[in-house]
Amino acid sequence: MGFIKMIEFTVNGDIPSIKNTLRVGKGGVFFHRGDGVRKYKKLFLAQCPVWAKQNLAGKLAVELKIYKKDNRKDGCNLSGTVYDALQFSGVIKNDRSLVERHEFDYIDKGNPRLEVKLWGI
């Protein structure tokens, strides 16, 4: 794969934690991602620019600036949601391609959002 130009975009909204939640159902106890993650993936897909949906592969680096409403959520669990959303939306082919990751957490009560930078290495 050739040189990958840097891709930058912003997705507005609060990111849910990808952390599995324990549920009890008819079949017993199981892990469930929850509706919040599914809804966020759809929100991400709707706000992701068309030009960013390149299904990138190869060695990639990413910088995430996560602006949260408050400090109650763990940034590690939020970044997992983002990596799944990048793959779901077609920006990257597989989140295993992200070999260099830079993640920053900030608080912005009035404007929770995600700022993404992605480039080839």
PDB file of N, CA and C in Angstrom:
ATOM      1  N   MET A   1       0.842  -1.181   0.000  1.00  0.00           N
ATOM      2  CA  MET A   1       0.000   0.000   0.000  1.00  0.00           C
ATOM      3  C   MET A   1       0.876   1.228   0.000  1.00  0.00           C
ATOM      4  N   GLY A   2       0.479   2.253  -0.739  1.00  0.00           N
ATOM      5  CA  GLY A   2       1.242   3.480  -0.849  1.00  0.00           C
ATOM      6  C   GLY A   2       1.079   4.369   0.370  1.00  0.00           C
ATOM      7  N   PHE A   3       1.625   5.553   0.242  1.00  0.00           N
ATOM      8  CA  PHE A   3       1.569   6.543   1.309  1.00  0.00           C
ATOM      9  C   PHE A   3       0.120   6.911   1.623  1.00  0.00           C
ATOM     10  N   ILE A   4      -0.206   6.927   2.907  1.00  0.00           N
ATOM     11  CA  ILE A   4      -1.554   7.294   3.336  1.00  0.00           C
ATOM     12  C   ILE A   4      -1.508   8.696   3.922  1.00  0.00           C
ATOM     13  N   LYS A   5      -2.221   9.612   3.292  1.00  0.00           N
ATOM     14  CA  LYS A   5      -2.310  10.986   3.753  1.00  0.00           C
ATOM     15  C   LYS A   5      -3.085  11.031   5.060  1.00  0.00           C
ATOM     16  N   MET A   6      -2.777  11.994   5.914  1.00  0.00           N
ATOM     17  CA  MET A   6      -3.465  12.098   7.199  1.00  0.00           C
ATOM     18  C   MET A   6      -4.945  12.405   6.992  1.00  0.00           C
ATOM     19  N   ILE A   7      -5.768  11.701   7.735  1.00  0.00           N
ATOM     20  CA  ILE A   7      -7.213  11.904   7.736  1.00  0.00           C
ATOM     21  C   ILE A   7      -7.566  12.518   9.087  1.00  0.00           C
ATOM     22  N   GLU A   8      -8.328  13.605   9.077  1.00  0.00           N
ATOM     23  CA  GLU A   8      -8.772  14.255  10.315  1.00  0.00           C
ATOM     24  C   GLU A   8     -10.259  14.552  10.227  1.00  0.00           C
ATOM     25  N   PHE A   9     -10.992  14.231  11.299  1.00  0.00           N
ATOM     26  CA  PHE A   9     -12.406  14.590  11.361  1.00  0.00           C
ATOM     27  C   PHE A   9     -12.878  14.555  12.812  1.00  0.00           C
ATOM     28  N   THR A  10     -14.061  15.114  13.033  1.00  0.00           N
ATOM     29  CA  THR A  10     -14.653  15.198  14.372  1.00  0.00           C
ATOM     30  C   THR A  10     -16.022  14.538  14.358  1.00  0.00           C
ATOM     31  N   VAL A  11     -16.330  13.818  15.434  1.00  0.00           N
ATOM     32  CA  VAL A  11     -17.653  13.222  15.625  1.00  0.00           C
ATOM     33  C   VAL A  11     -18.201  13.775  16.934  1.00  0.00           C
ATOM     34  N   ASN A  12     -19.345  14.432  16.867  1.00  0.00           N
ATOM     35  CA  ASN A  12     -19.970  15.010  18.055  1.00  0.00           C
ATOM     36  C   ASN A  12     -20.796  13.971  18.791  1.00  0.00           C
ATOM     37  N   GLY A  13     -20.813  14.081  20.116  1.00  0.00           N
ATOM     38  CA  GLY A  13     -21.611  13.183  20.942  1.00  0.00           C
ATOM     39  C   GLY A  13     -20.767  12.491  21.993  1.00  0.00           C
ATOM     40  N   ASP A  14     -21.436  11.994  22.999  1.00  0.00           N
ATOM     41  CA  ASP A  14     -20.784  11.300  24.115  1.00  0.00           C
ATOM     42  C   ASP A  14     -20.533   9.845  23.739  1.00  0.00           C
ATOM     43  N   ILE A  15     -19.332   9.351  23.977  1.00  0.00           N
ATOM     44  CA  ILE A  15     -18.962   7.990  23.608  1.00  0.00           C
ATOM     45  C   ILE A  15     -19.324   7.037  24.746  1.00  0.00           C
ATOM     46  N   PRO A  16     -20.056   5.973  24.458  1.00  0.00           N
ATOM     47  CA  PRO A  16     -20.356   4.982  25.496  1.00  0.00           C
ATOM     48  C   PRO A  16     -19.173   4.037  25.692  1.00  0.00           C
ATOM     49  N   SER A  17     -19.101   3.427  26.838  1.00  0.00           N
ATOM     50  CA  SER A  17     -18.046   2.459  27.139  1.00  0.00           C
ATOM     51  C   SER A  17     -18.332   1.144  26.431  1.00  0.00           C
ATOM     52  N   ILE A  18     -17.286   0.542  25.864  1.00  0.00           N
ATOM     53  CA  ILE A  18     -17.446  -0.746  25.191  1.00  0.00           C
ATOM     54  C   ILE A  18     -17.431  -1.900  26.206  1.00  0.00           C
ATOM     55  N   LYS A  19     -17.113  -1.575  27.428  1.00  0.00           N
ATOM     56  CA  LYS A  19     -16.992  -2.603  28.460  1.00  0.00           C
ATOM     57  C   LYS A  19     -18.249  -3.468  28.495  1.00  0.00           C
ATOM     58  N   ASN A  20     -18.034  -4.753  28.460  1.00  0.00           N
ATOM     59  CA  ASN A  20     -19.165  -5.684  28.485  1.00  0.00           C
ATOM     60  C   ASN A  20     -19.932  -5.552  29.789  1.00  0.00           C
ATOM     61  N   THR A  21     -21.223  -5.687  29.684  1.00  0.00           N
ATOM     62  CA  THR A  21     -22.055  -5.702  30.874  1.00  0.00           C
ATOM     63  C   THR A  21     -22.655  -7.087  31.016  1.00  0.00           C
ATOM     64  N   LEU A  22     -22.758  -7.540  32.219  1.00  0.00           N
ATOM     65  CA  LEU A  22     -23.290  -8.861  32.495  1.00  0.00           C
ATOM     66  C   LEU A  22     -24.807  -8.812  32.453  1.00  0.00           C
ATOM     67  N   ARG A  23     -25.412  -9.706  31.705  1.00  0.00           N
ATOM     68  CA  ARG A  23     -26.870  -9.787  31.591  1.00  0.00           C
ATOM     69  C   ARG A  23     -27.323 -11.193  31.951  1.00  0.00           C
ATOM     70  N   VAL A  24     -28.516 -11.293  32.504  1.00  0.00           N
ATOM     71  CA  VAL A  24     -29.104 -12.590  32.803  1.00  0.00           C
ATOM     72  C   VAL A  24     -30.305 -12.771  31.897  1.00  0.00           C
ATOM     73  N   GLY A  25     -30.317 -13.873  31.164  1.00  0.00           N
ATOM     74  CA  GLY A  25     -31.413 -14.154  30.253  1.00  0.00           C
ATOM     75  C   GLY A  25     -31.912 -15.574  30.437  1.00  0.00           C
ATOM     76  N   LYS A  26     -32.773 -16.016  29.550  1.00  0.00           N
ATOM     77  CA  LYS A  26     -33.337 -17.363  29.635  1.00  0.00           C
ATOM     78  C   LYS A  26     -32.267 -18.435  29.537  1.00  0.00           C
ATOM     79  N   GLY A  27     -31.219 -18.177  28.748  1.00  0.00           N
ATOM     80  CA  GLY A  27     -30.152 -19.157  28.559  1.00  0.00           C
ATOM     81  C   GLY A  27     -29.081 -19.096  29.632  1.00  0.00           C
ATOM     82  N   GLY A  28     -29.199 -18.198  30.585  1.00  0.00           N
ATOM     83  CA  GLY A  28     -28.195 -18.057  31.634  1.00  0.00           C
ATOM     84  C   GLY A  28     -27.571 -16.675  31.615  1.00  0.00           C
ATOM     85  N   VAL A  29     -26.362 -16.604  32.107  1.00  0.00           N
ATOM     86  CA  VAL A  29     -25.635 -15.350  32.196  1.00  0.00           C
ATOM     87  C   VAL A  29     -24.771 -15.192  30.941  1.00  0.00           C
ATOM     88  N   PHE A  30     -24.765 -13.995  30.355  1.00  0.00           N
ATOM     89  CA  PHE A  30     -23.955 -13.769  29.157  1.00  0.00           C
ATOM     90  C   PHE A  30     -23.480 -12.317  29.126  1.00  0.00           C
ATOM     91  N   PHE A  31     -22.495 -12.057  28.276  1.00  0.00           N
ATOM     92  CA  PHE A  31     -21.989 -10.707  28.092  1.00  0.00           C
ATOM     93  C   PHE A  31     -22.712 -10.044  26.928  1.00  0.00           C
ATOM     94  N   HIS A  32     -23.005  -8.769  27.093  1.00  0.00           N
ATOM     95  CA  HIS A  32     -23.787  -8.025  26.110  1.00  0.00           C
ATOM     96  C   HIS A  32     -23.163  -6.637  25.957  1.00  0.00           C
ATOM     97  N   ARG A  33     -22.958  -6.190  24.744  1.00  0.00           N
ATOM     98  CA  ARG A  33     -22.345  -4.884  24.498  1.00  0.00           C
ATOM     99  C   ARG A  33     -23.251  -3.723  24.906  1.00  0.00           C
ATOM    100  N   GLY A  34     -24.519  -3.881  24.800  1.00  0.00           N
ATOM    101  CA  GLY A  34     -25.442  -2.817  25.165  1.00  0.00           C
ATOM    102  C   GLY A  34     -25.839  -1.973  23.964  1.00  0.00           C
ATOM    103  N   ASP A  35     -26.973  -1.328  24.076  1.00  0.00           N
ATOM    104  CA  ASP A  35     -27.511  -0.521  22.986  1.00  0.00           C
ATOM    105  C   ASP A  35     -26.706   0.751  22.745  1.00  0.00           C
ATOM    106  N   GLY A  36     -26.055   1.267  23.791  1.00  0.00           N
ATOM    107  CA  GLY A  36     -25.302   2.515  23.650  1.00  0.00           C
ATOM    108  C   GLY A  36     -24.209   2.418  22.598  1.00  0.00           C
ATOM    109  N   VAL A  37     -23.484   1.306  22.576  1.00  0.00           N
ATOM    110  CA  VAL A  37     -22.400   1.134  21.608  1.00  0.00           C
ATOM    111  C   VAL A  37     -22.962   1.027  20.191  1.00  0.00           C
ATOM    112  N   ARG A  38     -24.035   0.267  20.016  1.00  0.00           N
ATOM    113  CA  ARG A  38     -24.652   0.143  18.689  1.00  0.00           C
ATOM    114  C   ARG A  38     -25.145   1.497  18.182  1.00  0.00           C
ATOM    115  N   LYS A  39     -25.768   2.277  19.066  1.00  0.00           N
ATOM    116  CA  LYS A  39     -26.257   3.601  18.680  1.00  0.00           C
ATOM    117  C   LYS A  39     -25.097   4.530  18.329  1.00  0.00           C
ATOM    118  N   TYR A  40     -24.009   4.436  19.082  1.00  0.00           N
ATOM    119  CA  TYR A  40     -22.863   5.296  18.800  1.00  0.00           C
ATOM    120  C   TYR A  40     -22.230   4.948  17.447  1.00  0.00           C
ATOM    121  N   LYS A  41     -22.146   3.661  17.130  1.00  0.00           N
ATOM    122  CA  LYS A  41     -21.597   3.270  15.830  1.00  0.00           C
ATOM    123  C   LYS A  41     -22.415   3.874  14.687  1.00  0.00           C
ATOM    124  N   LYS A  42     -23.725   3.900  14.840  1.00  0.00           N
ATOM    125  CA  LYS A  42     -24.592   4.493  13.808  1.00  0.00           C
ATOM    126  C   LYS A  42     -24.396   6.010  13.744  1.00  0.00           C
ATOM    127  N   LEU A  43     -24.262   6.655  14.917  1.00  0.00           N
ATOM    128  CA  LEU A  43     -24.002   8.086  14.980  1.00  0.00           C
ATOM    129  C   LEU A  43     -22.653   8.407  14.323  1.00  0.00           C
ATOM    130  N   PHE A  44     -21.642   7.596  14.619  1.00  0.00           N
ATOM    131  CA  PHE A  44     -20.312   7.751  14.048  1.00  0.00           C
ATOM    132  C   PHE A  44     -20.379   7.626  12.525  1.00  0.00           C
ATOM    133  N   LEU A  45     -21.072   6.616  12.051  1.00  0.00           N
ATOM    134  CA  LEU A  45     -21.218   6.388  10.614  1.00  0.00           C
ATOM    135  C   LEU A  45     -21.880   7.586   9.932  1.00  0.00           C
ATOM    136  N   ALA A  46     -22.909   8.143  10.563  1.00  0.00           N
ATOM    137  CA  ALA A  46     -23.637   9.273   9.989  1.00  0.00           C
ATOM    138  C   ALA A  46     -22.782  10.544   9.945  1.00  0.00           C
ATOM    139  N   GLN A  47     -21.889  10.732  10.927  1.00  0.00           N
ATOM    140  CA  GLN A  47     -21.092  11.953  11.000  1.00  0.00           C
ATOM    141  C   GLN A  47     -19.725  11.824  10.328  1.00  0.00           C
ATOM    142  N   CYS A  48     -19.309  10.622  10.037  1.00  0.00           N
ATOM    143  CA  CYS A  48     -18.001  10.396   9.423  1.00  0.00           C
ATOM    144  C   CYS A  48     -18.035  10.891   7.972  1.00  0.00           C
ATOM    145  N   PRO A  49     -17.097  11.745   7.579  1.00  0.00           N
ATOM    146  CA  PRO A  49     -17.102  12.250   6.199  1.00  0.00           C
ATOM    147  C   PRO A  49     -16.932  11.124   5.183  1.00  0.00           C
ATOM    148  N   VAL A  50     -17.576  11.251   4.060  1.00  0.00           N
ATOM    149  CA  VAL A  50     -17.514  10.241   3.004  1.00  0.00           C
ATOM    150  C   VAL A  50     -16.072  10.016   2.564  1.00  0.00           C
ATOM    151  N   TRP A  51     -15.299  11.093   2.427  1.00  0.00           N
ATOM    152  CA  TRP A  51     -13.917  10.981   1.962  1.00  0.00           C
ATOM    153  C   TRP A  51     -13.029  10.225   2.943  1.00  0.00           C
ATOM    154  N   ALA A  52     -13.466  10.084   4.214  1.00  0.00           N
ATOM    155  CA  ALA A  52     -12.665   9.367   5.217  1.00  0.00           C
ATOM    156  C   ALA A  52     -12.899   7.856   5.163  1.00  0.00           C
ATOM    157  N   LYS A  53     -13.967   7.438   4.507  1.00  0.00           N
ATOM    158  CA  LYS A  53     -14.331   6.017   4.459  1.00  0.00           C
ATOM    159  C   LYS A  53     -13.540   5.326   3.347  1.00  0.00           C
ATOM    160  N   GLN A  54     -12.255   5.059   3.636  1.00  0.00           N
ATOM    161  CA  GLN A  54     -11.343   4.531   2.629  1.00  0.00           C
ATOM    162  C   GLN A  54     -10.974   3.063   2.853  1.00  0.00           C
ATOM    163  N   ASN A  55     -11.505   2.454   3.905  1.00  0.00           N
ATOM    164  CA  ASN A  55     -11.213   1.046   4.198  1.00  0.00           C
ATOM    165  C   ASN A  55      -9.698   0.799   4.231  1.00  0.00           C
ATOM    166  N   LEU A  56      -8.997   1.652   4.977  1.00  0.00           N
ATOM    167  CA  LEU A  56      -7.535   1.619   5.027  1.00  0.00           C
ATOM    168  C   LEU A  56      -7.011   0.344   5.667  1.00  0.00           C
ATOM    169  N   ALA A  57      -5.896  -0.131   5.153  1.00  0.00           N
ATOM    170  CA  ALA A  57      -5.210  -1.305   5.696  1.00  0.00           C
ATOM    171  C   ALA A  57      -3.721  -0.974   5.771  1.00  0.00           C
ATOM    172  N   GLY A  58      -2.939  -1.901   6.252  1.00  0.00           N
ATOM    173  CA  GLY A  58      -1.516  -1.652   6.436  1.00  0.00           C
ATOM    174  C   GLY A  58      -1.273  -1.081   7.818  1.00  0.00           C
ATOM    175  N   LYS A  59      -0.047  -0.699   8.084  1.00  0.00           N
ATOM    176  CA  LYS A  59       0.293  -0.150   9.399  1.00  0.00           C
ATOM    177  C   LYS A  59      -0.208   1.281   9.506  1.00  0.00           C
ATOM    178  N   LEU A  60      -1.032   1.508  10.514  1.00  0.00           N
ATOM    179  CA  LEU A  60      -1.655   2.812  10.714  1.00  0.00           C
ATOM    180  C   LEU A  60      -1.371   3.343  12.109  1.00  0.00           C
ATOM    181  N   ALA A  61      -1.335   4.664  12.211  1.00  0.00           N
ATOM    182  CA  ALA A  61      -1.237   5.339  13.504  1.00  0.00           C
ATOM    183  C   ALA A  61      -2.508   6.171  13.685  1.00  0.00           C
ATOM    184  N   VAL A  62      -2.913   6.326  14.930  1.00  0.00           N
ATOM    185  CA  VAL A  62      -4.134   7.076  15.215  1.00  0.00           C
ATOM    186  C   VAL A  62      -3.910   7.959  16.437  1.00  0.00           C
ATOM    187  N   GLU A  63      -4.515   9.136  16.392  1.00  0.00           N
ATOM    188  CA  GLU A  63      -4.560  10.015  17.554  1.00  0.00           C
ATOM    189  C   GLU A  63      -6.019  10.296  17.858  1.00  0.00           C
ATOM    190  N   LEU A  64      -6.435  10.010  19.073  1.00  0.00           N
ATOM    191  CA  LEU A  64      -7.810  10.270  19.511  1.00  0.00           C
ATOM    192  C   LEU A  64      -7.785  11.337  20.594  1.00  0.00           C
ATOM    193  N   LYS A  65      -8.567  12.371  20.408  1.00  0.00           N
ATOM    194  CA  LYS A  65      -8.809  13.348  21.467  1.00  0.00           C
ATOM    195  C   LYS A  65     -10.267  13.182  21.853  1.00  0.00           C
ATOM    196  N   ILE A  66     -10.479  12.621  23.036  1.00  0.00           N
ATOM    197  CA  ILE A  66     -11.832  12.322  23.514  1.00  0.00           C
ATOM    198  C   ILE A  66     -12.231  13.393  24.523  1.00  0.00           C
ATOM    199  N   TYR A  67     -13.259  14.161  24.173  1.00  0.00           N
ATOM    200  CA  TYR A  67     -13.794  15.188  25.058  1.00  0.00           C
ATOM    201  C   TYR A  67     -15.054  14.615  25.707  1.00  0.00           C
ATOM    202  N   LYS A  68     -14.969  14.335  27.022  1.00  0.00           N
ATOM    203  CA  LYS A  68     -16.068  13.700  27.759  1.00  0.00           C
ATOM    204  C   LYS A  68     -16.877  14.744  28.526  1.00  0.00           C
ATOM    205  N   LYS A  69     -18.133  14.384  28.845  1.00  0.00           N
ATOM    206  CA  LYS A  69     -18.984  15.261  29.658  1.00  0.00           C
ATOM    207  C   LYS A  69     -18.444  15.397  31.074  1.00  0.00           C
ATOM    208  N   ASP A  70     -17.891  14.299  31.596  1.00  0.00           N
ATOM    209  CA  ASP A  70     -17.368  14.285  32.956  1.00  0.00           C
ATOM    210  C   ASP A  70     -16.261  13.227  33.021  1.00  0.00           C
ATOM    211  N   ASN A  71     -15.729  13.021  34.199  1.00  0.00           N
ATOM    212  CA  ASN A  71     -14.585  12.120  34.344  1.00  0.00           C
ATOM    213  C   ASN A  71     -14.988  10.734  34.861  1.00  0.00           C
ATOM    214  N   ARG A  72     -16.251  10.357  34.714  1.00  0.00           N
ATOM    215  CA  ARG A  72     -16.714   9.078  35.257  1.00  0.00           C
ATOM    216  C   ARG A  72     -16.355   7.888  34.387  1.00  0.00           C
ATOM    217  N   LYS A  73     -16.128   8.078  33.101  1.00  0.00           N
ATOM    218  CA  LYS A  73     -15.833   6.961  32.203  1.00  0.00           C
ATOM    219  C   LYS A  73     -14.331   6.799  32.025  1.00  0.00           C
ATOM    220  N   ASP A  74     -13.908   5.546  31.918  1.00  0.00           N
ATOM    221  CA  ASP A  74     -12.513   5.212  31.696  1.00  0.00           C
ATOM    222  C   ASP A  74     -12.181   5.373  30.213  1.00  0.00           C
ATOM    223  N   GLY A  75     -11.155   6.169  29.910  1.00  0.00           N
ATOM    224  CA  GLY A  75     -10.784   6.435  28.528  1.00  0.00           C
ATOM    225  C   GLY A  75     -10.417   5.193  27.737  1.00  0.00           C
ATOM    226  N   CYS A  76      -9.839   4.183  28.401  1.00  0.00           N
ATOM    227  CA  CYS A  76      -9.464   2.941  27.698  1.00  0.00           C
ATOM    228  C   CYS A  76     -10.688   2.246  27.111  1.00  0.00           C
ATOM    229  N   ASN A  77     -11.765   2.222  27.852  1.00  0.00           N
ATOM    230  CA  ASN A  77     -12.988   1.586  27.359  1.00  0.00           C
ATOM    231  C   ASN A  77     -13.639   2.411  26.251  1.00  0.00           C
ATOM    232  N   LEU A  78     -13.489   3.722  26.310  1.00  0.00           N
ATOM    233  CA  LEU A  78     -14.055   4.590  25.269  1.00  0.00           C
ATOM    234  C   LEU A  78     -13.292   4.427  23.961  1.00  0.00           C
ATOM    235  N   SER A  79     -11.975   4.313  24.036  1.00  0.00           N
ATOM    236  CA  SER A  79     -11.188   4.172  22.812  1.00  0.00           C
ATOM    237  C   SER A  79     -11.521   2.864  22.101  1.00  0.00           C
ATOM    238  N   GLY A  80     -11.844   1.822  22.841  1.00  0.00           N
ATOM    239  CA  GLY A  80     -12.269   0.560  22.225  1.00  0.00           C
ATOM    240  C   GLY A  80     -13.526   0.741  21.389  1.00  0.00           C
ATOM    241  N   THR A  81     -14.453   1.544  21.889  1.00  0.00           N
ATOM    242  CA  THR A  81     -15.668   1.858  21.137  1.00  0.00           C
ATOM    243  C   THR A  81     -15.310   2.584  19.840  1.00  0.00           C
ATOM    244  N   VAL A  82     -14.376   3.527  19.931  1.00  0.00           N
ATOM    245  CA  VAL A  82     -13.970   4.304  18.757  1.00  0.00           C
ATOM    246  C   VAL A  82     -13.315   3.407  17.712  1.00  0.00           C
ATOM    247  N   TYR A  83     -12.435   2.506  18.140  1.00  0.00           N
ATOM    248  CA  TYR A  83     -11.762   1.623  17.181  1.00  0.00           C
ATOM    249  C   TYR A  83     -12.771   0.726  16.464  1.00  0.00           C
ATOM    250  N   ASP A  84     -13.755   0.232  17.196  1.00  0.00           N
ATOM    251  CA  ASP A  84     -14.822  -0.551  16.560  1.00  0.00           C
ATOM    252  C   ASP A  84     -15.614   0.301  15.563  1.00  0.00           C
ATOM    253  N   ALA A  85     -15.879   1.559  15.928  1.00  0.00           N
ATOM    254  CA  ALA A  85     -16.639   2.457  15.050  1.00  0.00           C
ATOM    255  C   ALA A  85     -15.847   2.805  13.786  1.00  0.00           C
ATOM    256  N   LEU A  86     -14.521   2.967  13.919  1.00  0.00           N
ATOM    257  CA  LEU A  86     -13.691   3.228  12.737  1.00  0.00           C
ATOM    258  C   LEU A  86     -13.786   2.072  11.746  1.00  0.00           C
ATOM    259  N   GLN A  87     -13.802   0.868  12.269  1.00  0.00           N
ATOM    260  CA  GLN A  87     -13.924  -0.313  11.409  1.00  0.00           C
ATOM    261  C   GLN A  87     -15.339  -0.441  10.857  1.00  0.00           C
ATOM    262  N   PHE A  88     -16.337  -0.259  11.698  1.00  0.00           N
ATOM    263  CA  PHE A  88     -17.743  -0.373  11.305  1.00  0.00           C
ATOM    264  C   PHE A  88     -18.101   0.610  10.190  1.00  0.00           C
ATOM    265  N   SER A  89     -17.531   1.822  10.262  1.00  0.00           N
ATOM    266  CA  SER A  89     -17.871   2.867   9.297  1.00  0.00           C
ATOM    267  C   SER A  89     -17.088   2.760   7.994  1.00  0.00           C
ATOM    268  N   GLY A  90     -16.075   1.896   7.946  1.00  0.00           N
ATOM    269  CA  GLY A  90     -15.305   1.723   6.719  1.00  0.00           C
ATOM    270  C   GLY A  90     -14.109   2.646   6.592  1.00  0.00           C
ATOM    271  N   VAL A  91     -13.742   3.332   7.663  1.00  0.00           N
ATOM    272  CA  VAL A  91     -12.542   4.165   7.628  1.00  0.00           C
ATOM    273  C   VAL A  91     -11.309   3.265   7.566  1.00  0.00           C
ATOM    274  N   ILE A  92     -11.306   2.216   8.395  1.00  0.00           N
ATOM    275  CA  ILE A  92     -10.217   1.243   8.391  1.00  0.00           C
ATOM    276  C   ILE A  92     -10.786  -0.142   8.114  1.00  0.00           C
ATOM    277  N   LYS A  93      -9.955  -0.997   7.559  1.00  0.00           N
ATOM    278  CA  LYS A  93     -10.404  -2.352   7.250  1.00  0.00           C
ATOM    279  C   LYS A  93     -10.501  -3.196   8.518  1.00  0.00           C
ATOM    280  N   ASN A  94      -9.494  -3.052   9.399  1.00  0.00           N
ATOM    281  CA  ASN A  94      -9.469  -3.840  10.625  1.00  0.00           C
ATOM    282  C   ASN A  94      -8.732  -3.042  11.687  1.00  0.00           C
ATOM    283  N   ASP A  95      -9.260  -3.019  12.910  1.00  0.00           N
ATOM    284  CA  ASP A  95      -8.606  -2.233  13.951  1.00  0.00           C
ATOM    285  C   ASP A  95      -7.264  -2.828  14.393  1.00  0.00           C
ATOM    286  N   ARG A  96      -6.935  -4.022  13.942  1.00  0.00           N
ATOM    287  CA  ARG A  96      -5.601  -4.581  14.216  1.00  0.00           C
ATOM    288  C   ARG A  96      -4.523  -3.848  13.435  1.00  0.00           C
ATOM    289  N   SER A  97      -4.913  -3.092  12.411  1.00  0.00           N
ATOM    290  CA  SER A  97      -3.958  -2.296  11.629  1.00  0.00           C
ATOM    291  C   SER A  97      -3.420  -1.105  12.413  1.00  0.00           C
ATOM    292  N   LEU A  98      -4.096  -0.756  13.506  1.00  0.00           N
ATOM    293  CA  LEU A  98      -3.681   0.400  14.310  1.00  0.00           C
ATOM    294  C   LEU A  98      -2.531  -0.022  15.224  1.00  0.00           C
ATOM    295  N   VAL A  99      -1.315   0.172  14.744  1.00  0.00           N
ATOM    296  CA  VAL A  99      -0.139  -0.294  15.493  1.00  0.00           C
ATOM    297  C   VAL A  99       0.465   0.804  16.371  1.00  0.00           C
ATOM    298  N   GLU A 100       0.074   2.042  16.131  1.00  0.00           N
ATOM    299  CA  GLU A 100       0.533   3.155  16.968  1.00  0.00           C
ATOM    300  C   GLU A 100      -0.697   3.944  17.388  1.00  0.00           C
ATOM    301  N   ARG A 101      -0.883   4.083  18.704  1.00  0.00           N
ATOM    302  CA  ARG A 101      -2.102   4.718  19.218  1.00  0.00           C
ATOM    303  C   ARG A 101      -1.748   5.812  20.216  1.00  0.00           C
ATOM    304  N   HIS A 102      -2.325   6.982  20.006  1.00  0.00           N
ATOM    305  CA  HIS A 102      -2.156   8.111  20.914  1.00  0.00           C
ATOM    306  C   HIS A 102      -3.557   8.517  21.364  1.00  0.00           C
ATOM    307  N   GLU A 103      -3.799   8.455  22.657  1.00  0.00           N
ATOM    308  CA  GLU A 103      -5.149   8.723  23.184  1.00  0.00           C
ATOM    309  C   GLU A 103      -5.075   9.785  24.270  1.00  0.00           C
ATOM    310  N   PHE A 104      -5.927  10.799  24.146  1.00  0.00           N
ATOM    311  CA  PHE A 104      -5.964  11.895  25.093  1.00  0.00           C
ATOM    312  C   PHE A 104      -7.402  12.108  25.561  1.00  0.00           C
ATOM    313  N   ASP A 105      -7.589  12.288  26.864  1.00  0.00           N
ATOM    314  CA  ASP A 105      -8.908  12.522  27.449  1.00  0.00           C
ATOM    315  C   ASP A 105      -8.990  13.954  27.958  1.00  0.00           C
ATOM    316  N   TYR A 106     -10.113  14.606  27.655  1.00  0.00           N
ATOM    317  CA  TYR A 106     -10.385  15.956  28.124  1.00  0.00           C
ATOM    318  C   TYR A 106     -11.829  16.004  28.630  1.00  0.00           C
ATOM    319  N   ILE A 107     -12.129  17.041  29.395  1.00  0.00           N
ATOM    320  CA  ILE A 107     -13.498  17.258  29.872  1.00  0.00           C
ATOM    321  C   ILE A 107     -14.058  18.485  29.156  1.00  0.00           C
ATOM    322  N   ASP A 108     -15.243  18.343  28.565  1.00  0.00           N
ATOM    323  CA  ASP A 108     -15.977  19.447  27.958  1.00  0.00           C
ATOM    324  C   ASP A 108     -17.464  19.145  28.143  1.00  0.00           C
ATOM    325  N   LYS A 109     -18.037  19.620  29.244  1.00  0.00           N
ATOM    326  CA  LYS A 109     -19.428  19.305  29.591  1.00  0.00           C
ATOM    327  C   LYS A 109     -20.411  19.695  28.492  1.00  0.00           C
ATOM    328  N   GLY A 110     -20.192  20.834  27.868  1.00  0.00           N
ATOM    329  CA  GLY A 110     -21.150  21.352  26.897  1.00  0.00           C
ATOM    330  C   GLY A 110     -21.006  20.802  25.485  1.00  0.00           C
ATOM    331  N   ASN A 111     -19.865  20.167  25.190  1.00  0.00           N
ATOM    332  CA  ASN A 111     -19.640  19.726  23.816  1.00  0.00           C
ATOM    333  C   ASN A 111     -18.813  18.436  23.786  1.00  0.00           C
ATOM    334  N   PRO A 112     -19.381  17.309  24.263  1.00  0.00           N
ATOM    335  CA  PRO A 112     -18.624  16.055  24.180  1.00  0.00           C
ATOM    336  C   PRO A 112     -18.435  15.663  22.719  1.00  0.00           C
ATOM    337  N   ARG A 113     -17.218  15.221  22.389  1.00  0.00           N
ATOM    338  CA  ARG A 113     -16.919  14.911  20.994  1.00  0.00           C
ATOM    339  C   ARG A 113     -15.652  14.068  20.906  1.00  0.00           C
ATOM    340  N   LEU A 114     -15.368  13.656  19.700  1.00  0.00           N
ATOM    341  CA  LEU A 114     -14.176  12.894  19.394  1.00  0.00           C
ATOM    342  C   LEU A 114     -13.474  13.571  18.227  1.00  0.00           C
ATOM    343  N   GLU A 115     -12.178  13.796  18.361  1.00  0.00           N
ATOM    344  CA  GLU A 115     -11.375  14.298  17.262  1.00  0.00           C
ATOM    345  C   GLU A 115     -10.415  13.190  16.866  1.00  0.00           C
ATOM    346  N   VAL A 116     -10.436  12.813  15.594  1.00  0.00           N
ATOM    347  CA  VAL A 116      -9.648  11.680  15.090  1.00  0.00           C
ATOM    348  C   VAL A 116      -8.607  12.177  14.093  1.00  0.00           C
ATOM    349  N   LYS A 117      -7.387  11.684  14.247  1.00  0.00           N
ATOM    350  CA  LYS A 117      -6.339  11.841  13.239  1.00  0.00           C
ATOM    351  C   LYS A 117      -5.824  10.444  12.951  1.00  0.00           C
ATOM    352  N   LEU A 118      -5.691  10.108  11.678  1.00  0.00           N
ATOM    353  CA  LEU A 118      -5.282   8.768  11.265  1.00  0.00           C
ATOM    354  C   LEU A 118      -4.305   8.906  10.112  1.00  0.00           C
ATOM    355  N   TRP A 119      -3.179   8.170  10.180  1.00  0.00           N
ATOM    356  CA  TRP A 119      -2.177   8.236   9.108  1.00  0.00           C
ATOM    357  C   TRP A 119      -1.421   6.928   8.986  1.00  0.00           C
ATOM    358  N   GLY A 120      -0.836   6.721   7.831  1.00  0.00           N
ATOM    359  CA  GLY A 120      -0.037   5.526   7.581  1.00  0.00           C
ATOM    360  C   GLY A 120       1.370   5.695   8.100  1.00  0.00           C
ATOM    361  N   ILE A 121       1.981   4.570   8.528  1.00  0.00           N
ATOM    362  CA  ILE A 121       3.375   4.620   9.003  1.00  0.00           C
ATOM    363  C   ILE A 121       4.215   3.584   8.278  1.00  0.00           C
TER     364      ILE A 121
END
